[in-house]
Protein backbone atom coordinates (compact mmCIF):
# COMPACT_ATOMS: atom_id res chain seq x y z
CA MET A 1 58.84 -86.66 21.20
CA THR A 2 55.50 -87.71 19.71
CA PHE A 3 54.79 -84.88 17.26
CA ARG A 4 56.36 -82.13 15.19
CA ALA A 5 53.34 -79.86 14.52
CA ARG A 6 49.79 -80.39 15.75
CA ALA A 7 46.52 -78.75 16.64
CA LEU A 8 45.57 -79.46 20.22
CA ILE A 9 41.76 -79.24 20.44
CA ARG A 10 40.23 -78.55 23.87
CA LEU A 11 36.62 -79.73 23.92
CA GLY A 12 35.96 -78.27 27.36
CA ALA A 13 36.57 -74.80 25.92
CA LEU A 14 34.11 -75.58 23.13
CA ARG A 15 31.35 -76.41 25.60
CA LYS A 16 32.12 -73.28 27.62
CA ASN A 17 31.89 -71.08 24.54
CA LEU A 18 28.50 -72.50 23.64
CA ARG A 19 27.24 -71.59 27.12
CA VAL A 20 28.54 -68.03 26.72
CA ILE A 21 26.81 -67.72 23.36
CA ARG A 22 23.52 -69.07 24.71
CA ASP A 23 23.66 -66.56 27.56
CA ALA A 24 24.03 -63.74 25.02
CA ALA A 25 20.74 -64.68 23.32
CA PRO A 26 18.45 -66.19 25.99
CA GLY A 27 15.76 -68.44 24.60
CA ALA A 28 17.23 -68.63 21.11
CA LYS A 29 17.83 -71.94 19.39
CA VAL A 30 21.43 -72.55 18.31
CA MET A 31 22.42 -73.65 14.82
CA ALA A 32 26.13 -74.36 15.32
CA VAL A 33 28.03 -73.61 12.12
CA ILE A 34 30.70 -76.30 11.67
CA LYS A 35 31.52 -76.02 7.97
CA ALA A 36 35.11 -76.21 6.68
CA ASN A 37 35.91 -79.08 9.06
CA ALA A 38 34.52 -77.01 11.95
CA TYR A 39 36.79 -74.10 11.07
CA GLY A 40 39.76 -76.47 11.09
CA HIS A 41 38.92 -77.97 14.51
CA GLY A 42 37.60 -81.36 13.35
CA MET A 43 33.94 -81.55 12.35
CA GLN A 44 33.04 -84.92 13.86
CA ALA A 45 34.66 -84.30 17.25
CA VAL A 46 33.06 -80.86 17.44
CA ALA A 47 29.62 -82.19 16.52
CA GLU A 48 29.89 -84.97 19.08
CA THR A 49 30.82 -82.40 21.74
CA LEU A 50 28.17 -79.77 21.02
CA THR A 51 25.31 -81.93 22.26
CA ASP A 52 23.57 -78.84 23.65
CA SER A 53 23.18 -77.25 20.23
CA ASP A 54 19.83 -77.57 18.44
CA ALA A 55 21.16 -78.11 14.91
CA PHE A 56 24.33 -78.00 12.85
CA ALA A 57 25.02 -76.04 9.68
CA VAL A 58 27.48 -76.91 6.92
CA ALA A 59 28.13 -75.42 3.51
CA ARG A 60 27.91 -78.46 1.23
CA LEU A 61 26.21 -81.79 0.87
CA PRO A 62 29.35 -83.98 1.35
CA GLU A 63 29.92 -82.35 4.77
CA ALA A 64 26.34 -83.14 5.78
CA ILE A 65 26.64 -86.74 4.57
CA SER A 66 29.84 -87.17 6.58
CA LEU A 67 28.05 -86.01 9.72
CA HIS A 68 25.05 -88.24 9.04
CA GLU A 69 27.16 -91.32 8.40
CA SER A 70 29.19 -90.72 11.56
CA GLY A 71 25.99 -91.07 13.60
CA ILE A 72 25.11 -87.43 14.23
CA GLU A 73 21.35 -87.30 14.70
CA LYS A 74 20.69 -83.59 15.17
CA PRO A 75 19.23 -81.64 12.23
CA VAL A 76 21.79 -80.58 9.65
CA VAL A 77 21.28 -77.46 7.51
CA LEU A 78 22.83 -77.05 4.04
CA LEU A 79 23.71 -73.35 3.95
CA ALA A 80 24.28 -73.27 0.19
CA GLY A 81 21.35 -75.58 -0.53
CA VAL A 82 21.40 -78.07 -3.40
CA LEU A 83 21.94 -77.53 -7.12
CA THR A 84 20.80 -80.73 -8.86
CA SER A 85 17.94 -83.19 -8.62
CA LEU A 86 20.38 -85.88 -7.45
CA GLU A 87 21.58 -83.66 -4.61
CA LEU A 88 17.99 -82.83 -3.71
CA ASP A 89 17.00 -86.50 -3.64
CA GLU A 90 19.91 -87.27 -1.33
CA ALA A 91 19.10 -84.35 0.95
CA LEU A 92 15.43 -85.33 1.17
CA ARG A 93 16.31 -88.96 1.81
CA ARG A 94 18.56 -88.01 4.71
CA LYS A 95 16.16 -85.31 5.99
CA PHE A 96 18.74 -82.53 5.69
CA GLN A 97 17.32 -79.03 5.98
CA ILE A 98 17.88 -76.93 2.86
CA VAL A 99 18.55 -73.23 2.36
CA VAL A 100 16.89 -71.87 -0.78
CA HIS A 101 18.43 -68.71 -2.22
CA CYS A 102 17.59 -68.71 -5.95
CA ILE A 103 14.63 -69.48 -8.21
CA GLU A 104 16.29 -72.58 -9.66
CA GLN A 105 16.28 -74.17 -6.21
CA ILE A 106 12.58 -73.46 -5.79
CA GLU A 107 11.91 -75.09 -9.15
CA LEU A 108 13.92 -78.14 -8.05
CA LEU A 109 11.77 -78.49 -4.95
CA GLU A 110 8.59 -78.14 -6.97
CA SER A 111 9.71 -80.96 -9.26
CA ALA A 112 10.83 -83.30 -6.44
CA ALA A 113 9.63 -86.88 -6.92
CA GLY A 114 8.96 -87.47 -3.23
CA GLY A 115 9.95 -86.64 0.31
CA ALA A 116 9.79 -83.40 2.26
CA THR A 117 12.02 -81.41 4.59
CA THR A 118 12.42 -78.10 6.38
CA VAL A 119 13.40 -75.28 4.04
CA TRP A 120 15.08 -72.00 4.97
CA LEU A 121 14.16 -69.24 2.50
CA LYS A 122 17.07 -66.81 2.35
CA PHE A 123 16.71 -63.09 1.64
CA ASP A 124 19.49 -60.76 0.58
CA THR A 125 19.10 -57.71 2.81
CA GLY A 126 22.41 -56.08 1.89
CA MET A 127 25.15 -58.72 1.79
CA ASN A 128 24.74 -58.98 -1.99
CA ARG A 129 25.83 -62.58 -2.06
CA LEU A 130 23.10 -65.23 -1.78
CA GLY A 131 19.38 -64.69 -1.37
CA PHE A 132 16.23 -63.21 -2.85
CA SER A 133 15.32 -59.55 -2.82
CA PRO A 134 12.83 -58.69 -0.07
CA VAL A 135 10.58 -57.37 -2.83
CA GLY A 136 8.16 -60.16 -3.66
CA ALA A 137 8.73 -62.01 -0.36
CA GLU A 138 5.04 -62.77 0.11
CA GLU A 139 4.82 -64.53 -3.24
CA LEU A 140 7.92 -66.64 -2.54
CA ILE A 141 6.65 -67.61 0.89
CA ALA A 142 3.27 -68.64 -0.52
CA ARG A 143 4.91 -70.60 -3.32
CA LEU A 144 7.10 -72.63 -0.98
CA ARG A 145 4.32 -73.24 1.51
CA ALA A 146 2.33 -74.75 -1.34
CA CYS A 147 5.23 -77.04 -2.31
CA GLU A 148 4.82 -80.68 -1.26
CA ALA A 149 8.57 -81.05 -0.69
CA VAL A 150 8.49 -78.36 2.01
CA SER A 151 7.34 -79.71 5.37
CA GLU A 152 8.15 -76.46 7.22
CA LEU A 153 9.22 -73.05 5.96
CA ARG A 154 11.65 -70.82 7.84
CA LEU A 155 13.21 -67.45 6.92
CA MET A 156 16.79 -66.24 7.16
CA SER A 157 19.27 -63.58 6.08
CA HIS A 158 22.96 -62.86 6.63
CA LEU A 159 24.64 -59.72 7.96
CA ALA A 160 27.59 -58.23 6.11
CA CYS A 161 29.02 -55.82 8.70
CA ALA A 162 27.88 -57.05 12.11
CA ASP A 163 31.50 -57.13 13.29
CA GLU A 164 31.63 -53.33 12.89
CA LEU A 165 29.45 -52.15 15.74
CA GLU A 166 29.32 -48.53 14.58
CA ASN A 167 28.52 -49.38 10.96
CA PRO A 168 24.94 -48.33 10.07
CA ALA A 169 24.77 -51.10 7.44
CA SER A 170 23.50 -53.59 10.00
CA GLU A 171 20.63 -51.32 11.04
CA ALA A 172 19.70 -51.01 7.37
CA GLN A 173 19.74 -54.78 7.02
CA PHE A 174 17.62 -55.15 10.13
CA ASP A 175 15.05 -52.82 8.57
CA GLN A 176 15.05 -54.81 5.33
CA PHE A 177 14.66 -58.10 7.18
CA ARG A 178 11.87 -56.69 9.33
CA SER A 179 9.91 -55.89 6.16
CA VAL A 180 10.07 -59.60 5.27
CA VAL A 181 9.45 -61.34 8.59
CA LYS A 182 7.02 -59.00 10.34
CA GLY A 183 3.93 -61.08 11.08
CA PHE A 184 5.62 -64.35 10.07
CA ASP A 185 4.53 -67.27 12.27
CA GLY A 186 7.54 -69.53 11.64
CA ALA A 187 11.19 -69.73 12.65
CA VAL A 188 13.57 -66.91 11.74
CA SER A 189 17.37 -66.48 11.74
CA ILE A 190 19.65 -63.53 11.04
CA ALA A 191 22.33 -63.53 13.78
CA ASN A 192 25.85 -64.83 13.20
CA SER A 193 28.58 -64.67 15.87
CA PRO A 194 29.12 -60.88 15.90
CA ALA A 195 25.39 -60.14 15.76
CA THR A 196 24.74 -62.48 18.68
CA LEU A 197 27.53 -61.04 20.83
CA GLY A 198 27.38 -57.40 19.80
CA TRP A 199 23.87 -56.28 18.83
CA SER A 200 21.16 -55.77 21.44
CA GLN A 201 18.43 -56.23 18.80
CA ILE A 202 19.18 -59.95 18.79
CA VAL A 203 18.35 -60.44 22.48
CA SER A 204 14.67 -59.75 21.81
CA ALA A 205 14.59 -60.66 18.13
CA GLY A 206 10.92 -61.66 18.04
CA GLU A 207 9.91 -58.23 19.30
CA THR A 208 12.54 -56.43 17.21
CA PHE A 209 11.48 -58.00 13.93
CA GLY A 210 7.85 -58.84 14.65
CA PHE A 211 7.76 -62.60 14.06
CA SER A 212 6.18 -65.17 16.37
CA GLY A 213 8.12 -68.38 15.68
CA ASP A 214 11.41 -69.65 17.06
CA HIS A 215 14.47 -67.41 16.97
CA TRP A 216 17.62 -69.14 15.71
CA ILE A 217 21.19 -67.86 16.05
CA ARG A 218 24.04 -69.18 13.87
CA PRO A 219 27.35 -68.94 15.77
CA GLY A 220 30.47 -70.06 13.98
CA LEU A 221 33.80 -68.43 14.86
CA ALA A 222 32.82 -67.61 18.45
CA LEU A 223 32.19 -71.28 19.20
CA PHE A 224 35.92 -71.79 18.83
CA GLY A 225 36.81 -69.02 21.26
CA ILE A 226 37.74 -66.40 18.69
CA SER A 227 36.46 -62.84 18.73
CA PRO A 228 34.63 -61.68 15.59
CA PHE A 229 35.48 -58.06 16.44
CA GLU A 230 38.68 -56.38 15.30
CA GLY A 231 40.90 -55.32 18.18
CA ARG A 232 39.31 -57.68 20.71
CA ASN A 233 40.32 -61.19 21.75
CA GLY A 234 37.95 -64.01 22.61
CA SER A 235 38.85 -63.69 26.29
CA ASP A 236 37.44 -60.15 26.24
CA LEU A 237 34.06 -61.74 25.47
CA GLY A 238 34.35 -64.54 28.01
CA LEU A 239 35.37 -67.09 25.36
CA ALA A 240 38.22 -69.61 25.54
CA PRO A 241 40.37 -70.67 22.57
CA VAL A 242 39.64 -74.22 21.48
CA MET A 243 42.67 -74.68 19.22
CA GLN A 244 46.27 -74.65 20.40
CA PHE A 245 48.48 -74.75 17.29
CA GLU A 246 51.94 -75.80 18.36
CA ALA A 247 55.15 -77.40 17.15
CA ARG A 248 58.51 -78.48 18.51
CA LEU A 249 61.94 -76.94 18.37
CA ILE A 250 64.02 -79.30 16.25
CA ALA A 251 67.30 -77.35 16.12
CA ILE A 252 69.11 -74.62 18.05
CA LYS A 253 72.32 -72.96 16.84
CA PRO A 254 74.33 -69.75 17.10
CA LEU A 255 73.34 -66.86 14.85
CA ARG A 256 76.15 -64.43 14.10
CA GLU A 257 75.75 -60.73 13.42
CA GLY A 258 75.34 -60.18 9.68
CA ALA A 259 74.23 -63.75 8.94
CA ARG A 260 71.25 -64.15 6.64
CA VAL A 261 68.41 -66.56 7.38
CA GLY A 262 66.26 -68.73 5.12
CA TYR A 263 65.24 -68.57 1.47
CA ARG A 264 66.51 -65.45 -0.32
CA GLY A 265 68.20 -64.37 2.91
CA ARG A 266 65.42 -61.90 3.60
CA TYR A 267 66.45 -61.54 7.25
CA GLN A 268 69.89 -60.38 8.36
CA ALA A 269 70.93 -60.61 12.01
CA GLN A 270 71.73 -57.27 13.60
CA ALA A 271 73.65 -58.83 16.49
CA ASP A 272 74.90 -62.17 17.74
CA SER A 273 72.01 -64.32 18.96
CA VAL A 274 70.63 -67.86 19.00
CA ILE A 275 68.37 -69.20 16.27
CA GLY A 276 65.68 -71.83 16.81
CA ILE A 277 64.14 -73.94 14.07
CA ILE A 278 60.52 -75.01 14.63
CA ALA A 279 58.87 -77.89 12.79
CA ALA A 280 55.91 -76.03 11.28
CA GLY A 281 55.47 -74.27 7.98
CA TYR A 282 52.96 -73.48 5.27
CA GLY A 283 52.54 -77.21 4.64
CA ASP A 284 51.00 -77.38 8.11
CA GLY A 285 48.84 -74.30 7.71
CA TYR A 286 51.29 -71.73 9.07
CA THR A 287 50.93 -69.39 6.13
CA ARG A 288 53.89 -68.17 4.11
CA HIS A 289 52.55 -64.62 4.47
CA PHE A 290 53.73 -64.32 8.08
CA ARG A 291 56.37 -61.58 8.31
CA THR A 292 59.53 -61.23 10.33
CA GLY A 293 58.50 -60.19 13.81
CA THR A 294 55.45 -62.45 14.06
CA PRO A 295 55.30 -63.56 17.72
CA VAL A 296 55.77 -67.17 18.78
CA VAL A 297 55.68 -68.31 22.42
CA ILE A 298 58.42 -70.59 23.73
CA ASN A 299 58.83 -71.42 27.41
CA GLY A 300 56.54 -68.59 28.44
CA ARG A 301 58.14 -65.79 26.46
CA ARG A 302 57.45 -64.29 23.03
CA VAL A 303 60.15 -64.57 20.39
CA PRO A 304 60.01 -63.22 16.82
CA LEU A 305 59.79 -65.15 13.58
CA ILE A 306 62.75 -64.32 11.34
CA GLY A 307 63.01 -64.82 7.58
CA ASN A 308 60.59 -66.50 5.23
CA VAL A 309 58.28 -69.33 6.28
CA SER A 310 59.31 -72.63 4.65
CA MET A 311 57.06 -75.57 3.83
CA ASP A 312 57.96 -77.52 6.98
CA MET A 313 59.94 -75.10 9.16
CA ILE A 314 60.22 -71.60 10.52
CA ALA A 315 63.11 -69.83 12.23
CA VAL A 316 62.84 -67.69 15.35
CA ASP A 317 65.32 -65.51 17.21
CA LEU A 318 65.57 -67.08 20.67
CA GLY A 319 67.81 -64.31 21.99
CA SER A 320 71.46 -64.36 23.00
CA GLU A 321 70.72 -65.71 26.50
CA ALA A 322 68.45 -68.54 25.34
CA VAL A 323 68.38 -71.75 27.36
CA ASP A 324 65.71 -73.50 25.29
CA LYS A 325 66.25 -77.11 24.27
CA VAL A 326 65.49 -79.26 21.26
CA GLY A 327 62.07 -80.79 21.81
CA ASP A 328 60.59 -77.77 23.60
CA ILE A 329 57.09 -76.81 22.45
CA ALA A 330 56.43 -73.55 20.64
CA THR A 331 52.93 -72.08 20.59
CA LEU A 332 52.04 -70.56 17.22
CA TRP A 333 48.62 -69.51 18.52
CA GLY A 334 46.42 -70.57 21.41
CA ARG A 335 45.97 -69.73 25.10
CA GLU A 336 49.24 -67.85 25.50
CA LEU A 337 49.06 -66.22 22.08
CA PRO A 338 45.57 -65.41 20.75
CA VAL A 339 45.11 -66.08 17.06
CA GLU A 340 43.47 -62.64 16.84
CA GLU A 341 46.88 -61.12 17.65
CA VAL A 342 48.78 -63.32 15.23
CA ALA A 343 46.54 -62.89 12.17
CA PRO A 344 47.47 -59.27 11.35
CA TRP A 345 51.11 -60.32 10.93
CA ALA A 346 50.01 -62.20 7.81
CA ASP A 347 47.42 -59.62 6.71
CA ALA A 348 44.93 -62.38 7.47
CA ILE A 349 41.84 -62.86 9.60
CA PRO A 350 41.54 -65.51 12.33
CA TYR A 351 39.00 -67.50 10.24
CA GLU A 352 41.63 -67.97 7.55
CA LEU A 353 44.33 -69.21 9.92
CA VAL A 354 42.34 -71.80 11.86
CA CYS A 355 40.60 -73.10 8.72
CA GLY A 356 43.99 -73.50 7.06
CA VAL A 357 45.57 -75.85 9.57
CA MET A 358 46.45 -79.03 7.69
CA HIS A 359 46.49 -81.94 10.12
CA ARG A 360 49.60 -83.65 8.78
CA GLU A 361 49.88 -85.50 12.05
CA THR A 362 46.86 -86.58 14.05
CA SER A 363 45.53 -83.73 16.16
CA GLU A 364 45.24 -84.35 19.85
CA ILE A 365 41.74 -83.91 21.23
CA ILE A 366 41.35 -83.44 24.97
CA ASP A 367 38.45 -82.53 27.26
């Protein structure tokens, strides 16, 4: 018995998913989003596997530095940009690409002491988070193109509701973005995972939006085999789950009718059964918000979580005829149990669950 709880990371599935995503947007360049430790999958291993991507994107400078110092040579994009002159100097020195979303960042670039890099100018077309208003885009573009610290200027935006295929908000954002990039002769990016897999406008983005440079897509969640659409699993889209989150049974014992289970005795057995204790809890990233009834797979069958999730353990009802043994592996999510199906039991989204896995024991990475 070599582990209690672990994330088993299948790199072959990762490569397959990238191929599926490329097929959805022929000719597009791929900026693989691997922030938050590659959505909990291990940033370095993921970067070393995705050799067919054209660039990587992370949220913050320390993530980019970690990639750079581990020997990753592909371009790295800082999605939140930089905030201080020290950060800018470091980014320019390492040739990181920078997203610019506020006037203070433009002023930083204009005051840079030396060096130049590719800059992505971000426009807020309806997300109302980061980015400039499309009004005044021409002036901003001219200003950055005149800046010595900008070796190449590219344009981007981010979609708020692309995972809702009937929501007209995305069409409105497309219209806003078109007003900015029409006639632009540089690279452009607007598509995240759901836009790439669900919106036909992305297939012919240059024609749709009227720009003549490279078209970049920015897949994140879909790379890891997870559907960005509610009610659909990754397998429905031709994707394969990369993470198998699993743990071992460490105890099996009778559970009598009327017995209460776990902290505060929130669960009471309605009949005689067999209880199994699994070595995973919220300290491992199996959130405390999971409710009684959450499915877990053991020996090919689904059994329900019972009672509250503890820091290091959960309890499941194995059933009165159980023949499971201590040491058997339980799948908390993965091939047999899609994380998309598990997440609603915690009122969560799949992003939240996979990002939250705390690798208390070394994850196993296989091809």
